[in-house]
C-alpha atoms as a PDB file:
ATOM      1  CA  UNK A   1     326.194  78.118  30.602  1.00  0.00           C
ATOM      2  CA  UNK A   2     327.116  75.523  27.907  1.00  0.00           C
ATOM      3  CA  UNK A   3     330.784  75.652  26.887  1.00  0.00           C
ATOM      4  CA  UNK A   4     331.786  72.134  25.754  1.00  0.00           C
ATOM      5  CA  UNK A   5     335.181  73.265  24.386  1.00  0.00           C
ATOM      6  CA  UNK A   6     335.861  75.514  27.380  1.00  0.00           C
ATOM      7  CA  UNK A   7     336.438  78.600  25.274  1.00  0.00           C
ATOM      8  CA  UNK A   8     335.614  80.818  28.250  1.00  0.00           C
ATOM      9  CA  UNK A   9     338.058  81.286  31.092  1.00  0.00           C
ATOM     10  CA  UNK A  10     335.714  82.954  33.611  1.00  0.00           C
ATOM     11  CA  UNK A  11     331.949  83.159  34.127  1.00  0.00           C
ATOM     12  CA  UNK A  12     330.263  85.011  37.011  1.00  0.00           C
ATOM     13  CA  UNK A  13     326.741  85.971  38.014  1.00  0.00           C
ATOM     14  CA  UNK A  14     326.027  89.710  38.215  1.00  0.00           C
ATOM     15  CA  UNK A  15     322.998  90.483  40.404  1.00  0.00           C
ATOM     16  CA  UNK A  16     321.606  93.208  42.682  1.00  0.00           C
ATOM     17  CA  UNK A  17     320.401  91.037  45.555  1.00  0.00           C
ATOM     18  CA  UNK A  18     323.503  90.052  47.498  1.00  0.00           C
ATOM     19  CA  UNK A  19     327.031  91.333  47.911  1.00  0.00           C
ATOM     20  CA  UNK A  20     329.339  91.004  46.165  1.00  0.00           C
ATOM     21  CA  UNK A  21     327.237  92.206  43.243  1.00  0.00           C
ATOM     22  CA  UNK A  22     329.569  90.461  40.817  1.00  0.00           C
ATOM     23  CA  UNK A  23     329.381  86.929  42.105  1.00  0.00           C
ATOM     24  CA  UNK A  24     329.303  84.126  42.806  1.00  0.00           C
ATOM     25  CA  UNK A  25     331.579  82.653  40.127  1.00  0.00           C
ATOM     26  CA  UNK A  26     330.505  79.672  38.054  1.00  0.00           C
ATOM     27  CA  UNK A  27     332.496  76.429  38.036  1.00  0.00           C
ATOM     28  CA  UNK A  28     333.197  74.464  34.831  1.00  0.00           C
ATOM     29  CA  UNK A  29     332.506  70.739  34.688  1.00  0.00           C
ATOM     30  CA  UNK A  30     331.228  68.279  32.075  1.00  0.00           C
ATOM     31  CA  UNK A  31     331.098  70.840  29.255  1.00  0.00           C
ATOM     32  CA  UNK A  32     329.201  73.617  31.054  1.00  0.00           C
ATOM     33  CA  UNK A  33     329.593  76.381  33.602  1.00  0.00           C
ATOM     34  CA  UNK A  34     327.280  76.087  36.629  1.00  0.00           C
ATOM     35  CA  UNK A  35     326.512  77.999  39.802  1.00  0.00           C
ATOM     36  CA  UNK A  36     324.127  77.402  42.684  1.00  0.00           C
ATOM     37  CA  UNK A  37     322.523  80.625  43.943  1.00  0.00           C
ATOM     38  CA  UNK A  38     320.004  80.340  46.765  1.00  0.00           C
ATOM     39  CA  UNK A  39     316.700  81.996  45.919  1.00  0.00           C
ATOM     40  CA  UNK A  40     316.381  85.359  47.711  1.00  0.00           C
ATOM     41  CA  UNK A  41     313.136  86.677  49.214  1.00  0.00           C
ATOM     42  CA  UNK A  42     311.746  87.611  45.794  1.00  0.00           C
ATOM     43  CA  UNK A  43     309.417  86.221  43.127  1.00  0.00           C
ATOM     44  CA  UNK A  44     311.481  87.489  40.203  1.00  0.00           C
ATOM     45  CA  UNK A  45     315.169  88.222  39.711  1.00  0.00           C
ATOM     46  CA  UNK A  46     317.033  90.294  37.136  1.00  0.00           C
ATOM     47  CA  UNK A  47     320.638  89.411  36.367  1.00  0.00           C
ATOM     48  CA  UNK A  48     323.507  89.483  33.871  1.00  0.00           C
ATOM     49  CA  UNK A  49     326.387  87.123  33.185  1.00  0.00           C
ATOM     50  CA  UNK A  50     330.004  88.191  33.132  1.00  0.00           C
ATOM     51  CA  UNK A  51     331.721  86.239  30.378  1.00  0.00           C
ATOM     52  CA  UNK A  52     335.500  86.844  30.437  1.00  0.00           C
ATOM     53  CA  UNK A  53     335.014  90.368  31.752  1.00  0.00           C
ATOM     54  CA  UNK A  54     332.043  91.344  29.562  1.00  0.00           C
ATOM     55  CA  UNK A  55     328.586  91.796  31.091  1.00  0.00           C
ATOM     56  CA  UNK A  56     325.701  90.606  28.952  1.00  0.00           C
ATOM     57  CA  UNK A  57     322.264  88.969  29.231  1.00  0.00           C
ATOM     58  CA  UNK A  58     322.128  85.207  29.591  1.00  0.00           C
ATOM     59  CA  UNK A  59     322.155  83.753  26.042  1.00  0.00           C
ATOM     60  CA  UNK A  60     320.238  80.731  27.320  1.00  0.00           C
ATOM     61  CA  UNK A  61     317.323  82.765  28.727  1.00  0.00           C
ATOM     62  CA  UNK A  62     315.028  84.651  26.348  1.00  0.00           C
ATOM     63  CA  UNK A  63     313.150  86.524  29.109  1.00  0.00           C
ATOM     64  CA  UNK A  64     314.371  90.115  29.296  1.00  0.00           C
ATOM     65  CA  UNK A  65     313.687  93.265  31.316  1.00  0.00           C
ATOM     66  CA  UNK A  66     314.545  96.548  29.542  1.00  0.00           C
ATOM     67  CA  UNK A  67     316.241  99.416  31.336  1.00  0.00           C
ATOM     68  CA  UNK A  68     318.191 102.622  30.655  1.00  0.00           C
ATOM     69  CA  UNK A  69     321.491 100.694  30.729  1.00  0.00           C
ATOM     70  CA  UNK A  70     320.286  97.861  28.509  1.00  0.00           C
ATOM     71  CA  UNK A  71     318.340  94.642  28.888  1.00  0.00           C
ATOM     72  CA  UNK A  72     318.787  92.205  31.768  1.00  0.00           C
ATOM     73  CA  UNK A  73     317.845  88.561  31.917  1.00  0.00           C
ATOM     74  CA  UNK A  74     314.966  87.640  34.206  1.00  0.00           C
ATOM     75  CA  UNK A  75     313.951  84.615  36.239  1.00  0.00           C
ATOM     76  CA  UNK A  76     310.265  84.555  37.196  1.00  0.00           C
ATOM     77  CA  UNK A  77     309.243  81.998  39.818  1.00  0.00           C
ATOM     78  CA  UNK A  78     305.735  80.476  39.637  1.00  0.00           C
ATOM     79  CA  UNK A  79     304.442  82.845  42.343  1.00  0.00           C
ATOM     80  CA  UNK A  80     305.080  85.942  40.219  1.00  0.00           C
ATOM     81  CA  UNK A  81     302.116  87.600  38.521  1.00  0.00           C
ATOM     82  CA  UNK A  82     302.409  90.644  36.279  1.00  0.00           C
ATOM     83  CA  UNK A  83     299.785  93.350  36.965  1.00  0.00           C
ATOM     84  CA  UNK A  84     296.430  92.823  35.245  1.00  0.00           C
ATOM     85  CA  UNK A  85     296.248  96.495  34.239  1.00  0.00           C
ATOM     86  CA  UNK A  86     298.999  95.929  31.643  1.00  0.00           C
ATOM     87  CA  UNK A  87     296.257  94.450  29.431  1.00  0.00           C
ATOM     88  CA  UNK A  88     294.028  97.530  29.697  1.00  0.00           C
ATOM     89  CA  UNK A  89     291.926  98.541  26.696  1.00  0.00           C
ATOM     90  CA  UNK A  90     291.940 102.195  27.763  1.00  0.00           C
ATOM     91  CA  UNK A  91     292.774 104.808  25.167  1.00  0.00           C
ATOM     92  CA  UNK A  92     296.159 106.464  25.709  1.00  0.00           C
ATOM     93  CA  UNK A  93     296.142 109.984  27.092  1.00  0.00           C
ATOM     94  CA  UNK A  94     297.801 112.827  25.148  1.00  0.00           C
ATOM     95  CA  UNK A  95     301.456 113.690  25.775  1.00  0.00           C
ATOM     96  CA  UNK A  96     303.590 116.689  24.881  1.00  0.00           C
ATOM     97  CA  UNK A  97     307.284 117.405  25.330  1.00  0.00           C
ATOM     98  CA  UNK A  98     308.251 120.831  26.631  1.00  0.00           C
ATOM     99  CA  UNK A  99     311.633 122.336  27.485  1.00  0.00           C
ATOM    100  CA  UNK A 100     312.155 124.675  30.418  1.00  0.00           C
ATOM    101  CA  UNK A 101     315.143 126.981  30.698  1.00  0.00           C
ATOM    102  CA  UNK A 102     316.368 126.675  34.286  1.00  0.00           C
ATOM    103  CA  UNK A 103     318.803 129.332  35.506  1.00  0.00           C
ATOM    104  CA  UNK A 104     319.718 127.580  38.763  1.00  0.00           C
ATOM    105  CA  UNK A 105     320.646 124.349  36.978  1.00  0.00           C
ATOM    106  CA  UNK A 106     322.205 126.117  33.988  1.00  0.00           C
ATOM    107  CA  UNK A 107     320.289 123.727  31.780  1.00  0.00           C
ATOM    108  CA  UNK A 108     317.243 123.247  29.615  1.00  0.00           C
ATOM    109  CA  UNK A 109     315.108 120.683  31.396  1.00  0.00           C
ATOM    110  CA  UNK A 110     312.910 118.428  29.292  1.00  0.00           C
ATOM    111  CA  UNK A 111     309.490 117.537  30.692  1.00  0.00           C
ATOM    112  CA  UNK A 112     306.905 115.170  29.224  1.00  0.00           C
ATOM    113  CA  UNK A 113     303.407 116.486  29.973  1.00  0.00           C
ATOM    114  CA  UNK A 114     300.619 113.900  30.145  1.00  0.00           C
ATOM    115  CA  UNK A 115     296.859 114.105  30.630  1.00  0.00           C
ATOM    116  CA  UNK A 116     294.364 111.312  31.204  1.00  0.00           C
ATOM    117  CA  UNK A 117     292.151 110.438  28.203  1.00  0.00           C
ATOM    118  CA  UNK A 118     289.211 112.195  29.876  1.00  0.00           C
ATOM    119  CA  UNK A 119     290.244 115.857  29.685  1.00  0.00           C
ATOM    120  CA  UNK A 120     291.133 117.129  33.174  1.00  0.00           C
ATOM    121  CA  UNK A 121     289.758 120.428  34.471  1.00  0.00           C
ATOM    122  CA  UNK A 122     291.998 123.372  35.317  1.00  0.00           C
ATOM    123  CA  UNK A 123     292.082 122.392  38.992  1.00  0.00           C
ATOM    124  CA  UNK A 124     292.883 118.701  38.372  1.00  0.00           C
ATOM    125  CA  UNK A 125     295.666 117.026  40.378  1.00  0.00           C
ATOM    126  CA  UNK A 126     299.189 117.029  38.959  1.00  0.00           C
ATOM    127  CA  UNK A 127     301.607 114.132  39.440  1.00  0.00           C
ATOM    128  CA  UNK A 128     305.221 115.372  39.309  1.00  0.00           C
ATOM    129  CA  UNK A 129     307.653 112.493  38.672  1.00  0.00           C
ATOM    130  CA  UNK A 130     311.431 112.517  38.886  1.00  0.00           C
ATOM    131  CA  UNK A 131     312.983 110.318  36.185  1.00  0.00           C
ATOM    132  CA  UNK A 132     309.540 110.682  34.633  1.00  0.00           C
ATOM    133  CA  UNK A 133     310.285 109.697  31.017  1.00  0.00           C
ATOM    134  CA  UNK A 134     312.053 106.569  32.319  1.00  0.00           C
ATOM    135  CA  UNK A 135     309.020 105.783  34.480  1.00  0.00           C
ATOM    136  CA  UNK A 136     306.864 106.019  31.353  1.00  0.00           C
ATOM    137  CA  UNK A 137     309.181 103.848  29.247  1.00  0.00           C
ATOM    138  CA  UNK A 138     310.305 101.178  31.708  1.00  0.00           C
ATOM    139  CA  UNK A 139     307.459 101.124  34.266  1.00  0.00           C
ATOM    140  CA  UNK A 140     304.536 102.028  31.960  1.00  0.00           C
ATOM    141  CA  UNK A 141     303.489 104.902  34.247  1.00  0.00           C
ATOM    142  CA  UNK A 142     301.348 106.745  31.712  1.00  0.00           C
ATOM    143  CA  UNK A 143     299.699 103.475  30.676  1.00  0.00           C
ATOM    144  CA  UNK A 144     298.897 102.834  34.327  1.00  0.00           C
ATOM    145  CA  UNK A 145     297.270 106.261  34.595  1.00  0.00           C
ATOM    146  CA  UNK A 146     295.293 105.508  31.408  1.00  0.00           C
ATOM    147  CA  UNK A 147     294.025 102.271  32.966  1.00  0.00           C
ATOM    148  CA  UNK A 148     293.184 103.768  36.361  1.00  0.00           C
ATOM    149  CA  UNK A 149     291.354 106.683  34.753  1.00  0.00           C
ATOM    150  CA  UNK A 150     289.340 104.306  32.546  1.00  0.00           C
ATOM    151  CA  UNK A 151     288.436 102.251  35.632  1.00  0.00           C
ATOM    152  CA  UNK A 152     287.523 105.507  37.459  1.00  0.00           C
ATOM    153  CA  UNK A 153     289.980 104.723  40.255  1.00  0.00           C
ATOM    154  CA  UNK A 154     291.683 108.102  39.852  1.00  0.00           C
ATOM    155  CA  UNK A 155     290.182 111.438  38.825  1.00  0.00           C
ATOM    156  CA  UNK A 156     291.019 113.069  35.498  1.00  0.00           C
ATOM    157  CA  UNK A 157     294.505 114.467  36.081  1.00  0.00           C
ATOM    158  CA  UNK A 158     297.789 115.560  34.580  1.00  0.00           C
ATOM    159  CA  UNK A 159     301.367 114.442  35.045  1.00  0.00           C
ATOM    160  CA  UNK A 160     304.686 116.225  34.553  1.00  0.00           C
ATOM    161  CA  UNK A 161     307.428 113.684  33.881  1.00  0.00           C
ATOM    162  CA  UNK A 162     310.734 115.446  34.521  1.00  0.00           C
ATOM    163  CA  UNK A 163     313.920 114.269  32.835  1.00  0.00           C
ATOM    164  CA  UNK A 164     316.901 114.432  35.217  1.00  0.00           C
ATOM    165  CA  UNK A 165     319.856 116.791  34.850  1.00  0.00           C
ATOM    166  CA  UNK A 166     323.095 115.353  36.299  1.00  0.00           C
ATOM    167  CA  UNK A 167     321.035 112.921  38.356  1.00  0.00           C
ATOM    168  CA  UNK A 168     323.628 111.989  41.000  1.00  0.00           C
ATOM    169  CA  UNK A 169     324.225 115.646  41.804  1.00  0.00           C
ATOM    170  CA  UNK A 170     320.721 117.110  41.618  1.00  0.00           C
ATOM    171  CA  UNK A 171     318.829 114.217  43.222  1.00  0.00           C
ATOM    172  CA  UNK A 172     321.192 113.860  46.214  1.00  0.00           C
ATOM    173  CA  UNK A 173     319.490 116.242  48.699  1.00  0.00           C
ATOM    174  CA  UNK A 174     320.629 119.299  46.756  1.00  0.00           C
ATOM    175  CA  UNK A 175     319.227 122.592  48.061  1.00  0.00           C
ATOM    176  CA  UNK A 176     319.972 124.157  44.678  1.00  0.00           C
ATOM    177  CA  UNK A 177     317.899 121.547  42.878  1.00  0.00           C
ATOM    178  CA  UNK A 178     315.017 121.808  45.368  1.00  0.00           C
ATOM    179  CA  UNK A 179     314.934 125.567  44.753  1.00  0.00           C
ATOM    180  CA  UNK A 180     315.095 125.065  40.982  1.00  0.00           C
ATOM    181  CA  UNK A 181     312.198 122.596  41.117  1.00  0.00           C
ATOM    182  CA  UNK A 182     309.975 124.810  43.259  1.00  0.00           C
ATOM    183  CA  UNK A 183     310.926 128.275  41.951  1.00  0.00           C
ATOM    184  CA  UNK A 184     311.491 127.607  38.264  1.00  0.00           C
ATOM    185  CA  UNK A 185     310.285 124.244  36.979  1.00  0.00           C
ATOM    186  CA  UNK A 186     306.917 123.976  38.720  1.00  0.00           C
ATOM    187  CA  UNK A 187     305.760 127.552  37.916  1.00  0.00           C
ATOM    188  CA  UNK A 188     306.506 126.994  34.226  1.00  0.00           C
ATOM    189  CA  UNK A 189     304.792 123.595  34.318  1.00  0.00           C
ATOM    190  CA  UNK A 190     301.732 125.231  35.909  1.00  0.00           C
ATOM    191  CA  UNK A 191     301.689 127.834  33.136  1.00  0.00           C
ATOM    192  CA  UNK A 192     301.670 125.072  30.515  1.00  0.00           C
ATOM    193  CA  UNK A 193     299.456 122.628  32.445  1.00  0.00           C
ATOM    194  CA  UNK A 194     297.095 124.343  34.934  1.00  0.00           C
ATOM    195  CA  UNK A 195     296.403 122.168  37.967  1.00  0.00           C
ATOM    196  CA  UNK A 196     295.258 121.960  41.561  1.00  0.00           C
ATOM    197  CA  UNK A 197     297.031 119.844  44.167  1.00  0.00           C
ATOM    198  CA  UNK A 198     300.508 118.499  43.418  1.00  0.00           C
ATOM    199  CA  UNK A 199     301.742 115.006  44.199  1.00  0.00           C
ATOM    200  CA  UNK A 200     305.469 114.285  44.064  1.00  0.00           C
ATOM    201  CA  UNK A 201     306.838 110.942  42.914  1.00  0.00           C
ATOM    202  CA  UNK A 202     310.271 109.375  42.546  1.00  0.00           C
ATOM    203  CA  UNK A 203     312.310 106.188  42.886  1.00  0.00           C
ATOM    204  CA  UNK A 204     315.769 105.614  44.358  1.00  0.00           C
ATOM    205  CA  UNK A 205     317.612 108.974  44.387  1.00  0.00           C
ATOM    206  CA  UNK A 206     314.536 110.533  42.767  1.00  0.00           C
ATOM    207  CA  UNK A 207     312.485 109.572  45.841  1.00  0.00           C
ATOM    208  CA  UNK A 208     315.112 111.068  48.138  1.00  0.00           C
ATOM    209  CA  UNK A 209     315.094 114.312  46.132  1.00  0.00           C
ATOM    210  CA  UNK A 210     311.297 114.543  46.269  1.00  0.00           C
ATOM    211  CA  UNK A 211     311.221 114.107  50.058  1.00  0.00           C
ATOM    212  CA  UNK A 212     314.039 116.655  50.359  1.00  0.00           C
ATOM    213  CA  UNK A 213     312.111 119.188  48.244  1.00  0.00           C
ATOM    214  CA  UNK A 214     309.066 118.695  50.481  1.00  0.00           C
ATOM    215  CA  UNK A 215     311.084 119.207  53.661  1.00  0.00           C
ATOM    216  CA  UNK A 216     312.669 122.422  52.339  1.00  0.00           C
ATOM    217  CA  UNK A 217     309.474 123.741  50.730  1.00  0.00           C
ATOM    218  CA  UNK A 218     306.646 122.165  52.764  1.00  0.00           C
ATOM    219  CA  UNK A 219     303.757 123.853  50.950  1.00  0.00           C
ATOM    220  CA  UNK A 220     304.735 122.598  47.484  1.00  0.00           C
ATOM    221  CA  UNK A 221     303.187 119.117  47.549  1.00  0.00           C
ATOM    222  CA  UNK A 222     300.003 117.639  49.024  1.00  0.00           C
ATOM    223  CA  UNK A 223     301.258 114.063  48.828  1.00  0.00           C
ATOM    224  CA  UNK A 224     304.364 112.002  48.023  1.00  0.00           C
ATOM    225  CA  UNK A 225     304.770 108.579  46.406  1.00  0.00           C
ATOM    226  CA  UNK A 226     308.306 107.367  47.150  1.00  0.00           C
ATOM    227  CA  UNK A 227     309.733 104.107  45.815  1.00  0.00           C
ATOM    228  CA  UNK A 228     312.925 102.435  47.062  1.00  0.00           C
ATOM    229  CA  UNK A 229     314.282 105.710  48.400  1.00  0.00           C
ATOM    230  CA  UNK A 230     318.070 106.022  48.700  1.00  0.00           C
ATOM    231  CA  UNK A 231     317.765 106.991  52.361  1.00  0.00           C
ATOM    232  CA  UNK A 232     321.392 106.278  53.290  1.00  0.00           C
ATOM    233  CA  UNK A 233     322.374 106.231  56.978  1.00  0.00           C
ATOM    234  CA  UNK A 234     325.993 106.366  58.127  1.00  0.00           C
ATOM    235  CA  UNK A 235     325.549 103.577  60.669  1.00  0.00           C
ATOM    236  CA  UNK A 236     324.158 101.069  58.176  1.00  0.00           C
ATOM    237  CA  UNK A 237     325.311 102.135  54.719  1.00  0.00           C
ATOM    238  CA  UNK A 238     329.096 102.399  54.831  1.00  0.00           C
ATOM    239  CA  UNK A 239     329.160 100.375  51.588  1.00  0.00           C
ATOM    240  CA  UNK A 240     327.626 103.448  49.874  1.00  0.00           C
ATOM    241  CA  UNK A 241     330.285 105.846  51.208  1.00  0.00           C
ATOM    242  CA  UNK A 242     332.010 105.999  47.839  1.00  0.00           C
ATOM    243  CA  UNK A 243     329.017 107.863  46.398  1.00  0.00           C
ATOM    244  CA  UNK A 244     330.012 111.496  45.790  1.00  0.00           C
ATOM    245  CA  UNK A 245     327.199 113.032  47.858  1.00  0.00           C
ATOM    246  CA  UNK A 246     326.972 110.313  50.496  1.00  0.00           C
ATOM    247  CA  UNK A 247     327.516 112.644  53.484  1.00  0.00           C
ATOM    248  CA  UNK A 248     325.006 115.191  52.217  1.00  0.00           C
ATOM    249  CA  UNK A 249     322.418 112.433  51.894  1.00  0.00           C
ATOM    250  CA  UNK A 250     323.113 110.951  55.343  1.00  0.00           C
ATOM    251  CA  UNK A 251     322.873 114.386  56.975  1.00  0.00           C
ATOM    252  CA  UNK A 252     319.482 114.977  55.391  1.00  0.00           C
ATOM    253  CA  UNK A 253     318.169 111.507  56.259  1.00  0.00           C
ATOM    254  CA  UNK A 254     319.274 112.121  59.845  1.00  0.00           C
ATOM    255  CA  UNK A 255     317.089 115.226  60.002  1.00  0.00           C
ATOM    256  CA  UNK A 256     314.144 113.235  58.614  1.00  0.00           C
ATOM    257  CA  UNK A 257     314.541 110.531  61.245  1.00  0.00           C
ATOM    258  CA  UNK A 258     314.839 113.069  64.080  1.00  0.00           C
ATOM    259  CA  UNK A 259     312.006 115.268  62.849  1.00  0.00           C
ATOM    260  CA  UNK A 260     312.106 119.044  62.659  1.00  0.00           C
ATOM    261  CA  UNK A 261     309.961 122.014  63.531  1.00  0.00           C
ATOM    262  CA  UNK A 262     307.838 123.543  60.820  1.00  0.00           C
ATOM    263  CA  UNK A 263     306.991 120.235  59.157  1.00  0.00           C
ATOM    264  CA  UNK A 264     303.733 120.049  57.230  1.00  0.00           C
ATOM    265  CA  UNK A 265     302.573 116.420  57.455  1.00  0.00           C
ATOM    266  CA  UNK A 266     301.041 115.130  54.233  1.00  0.00           C
ATOM    267  CA  UNK A 267     300.112 111.654  52.928  1.00  0.00           C
ATOM    268  CA  UNK A 268     303.218 109.646  51.971  1.00  0.00           C
ATOM    269  CA  UNK A 269     303.145 106.207  50.348  1.00  0.00           C
ATOM    270  CA  UNK A 270     306.446 104.303  50.346  1.00  0.00           C
ATOM    271  CA  UNK A 271     307.195 101.096  48.453  1.00  0.00           C
ATOM    272  CA  UNK A 272     310.345  98.979  48.547  1.00  0.00           C
ATOM    273  CA  UNK A 273     311.480  95.587  47.322  1.00  0.00           C
ATOM    274  CA  UNK A 274     311.959  92.705  49.761  1.00  0.00           C
ATOM    275  CA  UNK A 275     315.314  91.978  48.130  1.00  0.00           C
ATOM    276  CA  UNK A 276     316.733  95.491  48.552  1.00  0.00           C
ATOM    277  CA  UNK A 277     319.462  96.758  50.840  1.00  0.00           C
ATOM    278  CA  UNK A 278     317.327  99.916  51.073  1.00  0.00           C
ATOM    279  CA  UNK A 279     314.537  97.951  52.754  1.00  0.00           C
ATOM    280  CA  UNK A 280     315.571  98.810  56.339  1.00  0.00           C
ATOM    281  CA  UNK A 281     316.120 102.477  55.442  1.00  0.00           C
ATOM    282  CA  UNK A 282     312.675 102.780  53.867  1.00  0.00           C
ATOM    283  CA  UNK A 283     311.115 101.125  56.900  1.00  0.00           C
ATOM    284  CA  UNK A 284     312.916 103.603  59.178  1.00  0.00           C
ATOM    285  CA  UNK A 285     311.815 106.644  57.171  1.00  0.00           C
ATOM    286  CA  UNK A 286     308.196 105.430  56.970  1.00  0.00           C
ATOM    287  CA  UNK A 287     308.133 104.848  60.735  1.00  0.00           C
ATOM    288  CA  UNK A 288     309.676 108.252  61.475  1.00  0.00           C
ATOM    289  CA  UNK A 289     307.207 110.090  59.244  1.00  0.00           C
ATOM    290  CA  UNK A 290     304.284 108.287  60.861  1.00  0.00           C
ATOM    291  CA  UNK A 291     305.526 109.291  64.330  1.00  0.00           C
ATOM    292  CA  UNK A 292     305.773 112.890  63.125  1.00  0.00           C
ATOM    293  CA  UNK A 293     302.088 112.989  62.167  1.00  0.00           C
ATOM    294  CA  UNK A 294     302.272 112.062  58.501  1.00  0.00           C
ATOM    295  CA  UNK A 295     299.710 109.715  57.004  1.00  0.00           C
ATOM    296  CA  UNK A 296     302.469 107.331  55.933  1.00  0.00           C
ATOM    297  CA  UNK A 297     302.462 103.686  54.945  1.00  0.00           C
ATOM    298  CA  UNK A 298     305.006 101.174  53.645  1.00  0.00           C
ATOM    299  CA  UNK A 299     304.400  98.418  51.084  1.00  0.00           C
ATOM    300  CA  UNK A 300     306.965  95.697  50.400  1.00  0.00           C
ATOM    301  CA  UNK A 301     307.053  94.078  46.955  1.00  0.00           C
ATOM    302  CA  UNK A 302     308.695  90.691  46.385  1.00  0.00           C
ATOM    303  CA  UNK A 303     311.325  92.020  44.003  1.00  0.00           C
ATOM    304  CA  UNK A 304     314.452  94.191  44.072  1.00  0.00           C
ATOM    305  CA  UNK A 305     315.673  97.641  43.035  1.00  0.00           C
ATOM    306  CA  UNK A 306     314.374  97.818  39.469  1.00  0.00           C
ATOM    307  CA  UNK A 307     311.741  99.378  37.211  1.00  0.00           C
ATOM    308  CA  UNK A 308     309.490  96.322  37.230  1.00  0.00           C
ATOM    309  CA  UNK A 309     309.357  96.305  41.030  1.00  0.00           C
ATOM    310  CA  UNK A 310     308.304  99.959  40.967  1.00  0.00           C
ATOM    311  CA  UNK A 311     305.714  99.243  38.258  1.00  0.00           C
ATOM    312  CA  UNK A 312     304.258  96.322  40.172  1.00  0.00           C
ATOM    313  CA  UNK A 313     303.841  98.528  43.257  1.00  0.00           C
ATOM    314  CA  UNK A 314     301.665 101.139  41.514  1.00  0.00           C
ATOM    315  CA  UNK A 315     298.436  99.241  42.166  1.00  0.00           C
ATOM    316  CA  UNK A 316     296.876  99.818  44.653  1.00  0.00           C
ATOM    317  CA  UNK A 317     299.284 102.243  46.332  1.00  0.00           C
ATOM    318  CA  UNK A 318     299.497 105.100  43.830  1.00  0.00           C
ATOM    319  CA  UNK A 319     295.683 105.445  43.467  1.00  0.00           C
ATOM    320  CA  UNK A 320     295.429 105.305  47.281  1.00  0.00           C
ATOM    321  CA  UNK A 321     297.992 108.089  47.592  1.00  0.00           C
ATOM    322  CA  UNK A 322     296.211 110.216  44.990  1.00  0.00           C
ATOM    323  CA  UNK A 323     292.928 109.734  46.872  1.00  0.00           C
ATOM    324  CA  UNK A 324     294.532 110.637  50.207  1.00  0.00           C
ATOM    325  CA  UNK A 325     296.144 113.767  48.733  1.00  0.00           C
ATOM    326  CA  UNK A 326     293.025 115.009  46.975  1.00  0.00           C
END
């Protein structure tokens, strides 16, 4: 970070790969701030700089990754390759915003409905995505479905991209939210977008909430695609204990790891970044589900907990999950 007149008093690296997240600090010498940060087990890295207490992208790096909280700077090592499907020539499928009045959540829930360019039949599969509009904007989910449909790797289908309501509360193994999803949101979505089998999808807390909804209402989904699930465990994740619903999450994850009667095993694809703290938790959940009779698999992507990592994991794992579920 060039600063020949030393106008800055403190510069630190903000990253999601090692603790502390804000660190290490840079040292000033010979007109510039410098830091040595050993490359983690990833092929790309998103980061910010803290300049005298203000977080911002690196002014000396033009490569950016957008996100709901603003852009981050990106380092891409030579091994990184963006997915080829991003250059698809497929026509975009139609989308429509709807709003569903949800009594249990005391809210109007916005949902973006999508259909593949080839019109799907009434019994076509439906992909239900938590944080769905963000998946479309930051991970190009609908563009991926366009490309896979054009390549005939998925059948004509629909997607319901659900916008979260009080995400930390509703996506944290909430029985109230699971009931709202199954009893209110999905019936109204089916009325607007007729479909056959349902496949649930989510990342981070959204993945946890989708698995929780399946466990409480086992006949709702025929498959799950879970990315970087926030499967906190008390023994390993004390650093997350400040999260408001930490104990509720750890109790639920404990039941998943132990297994329970009345389960309905379905196909479950799980992806996680090699640079994530959640890596061990996702491995544990995938292994437990497999032991309980689920058709479950785990894929590790050389990235961290971010929208690009989730995007880069779509191919081939989401089409494989759709095939297994249908």
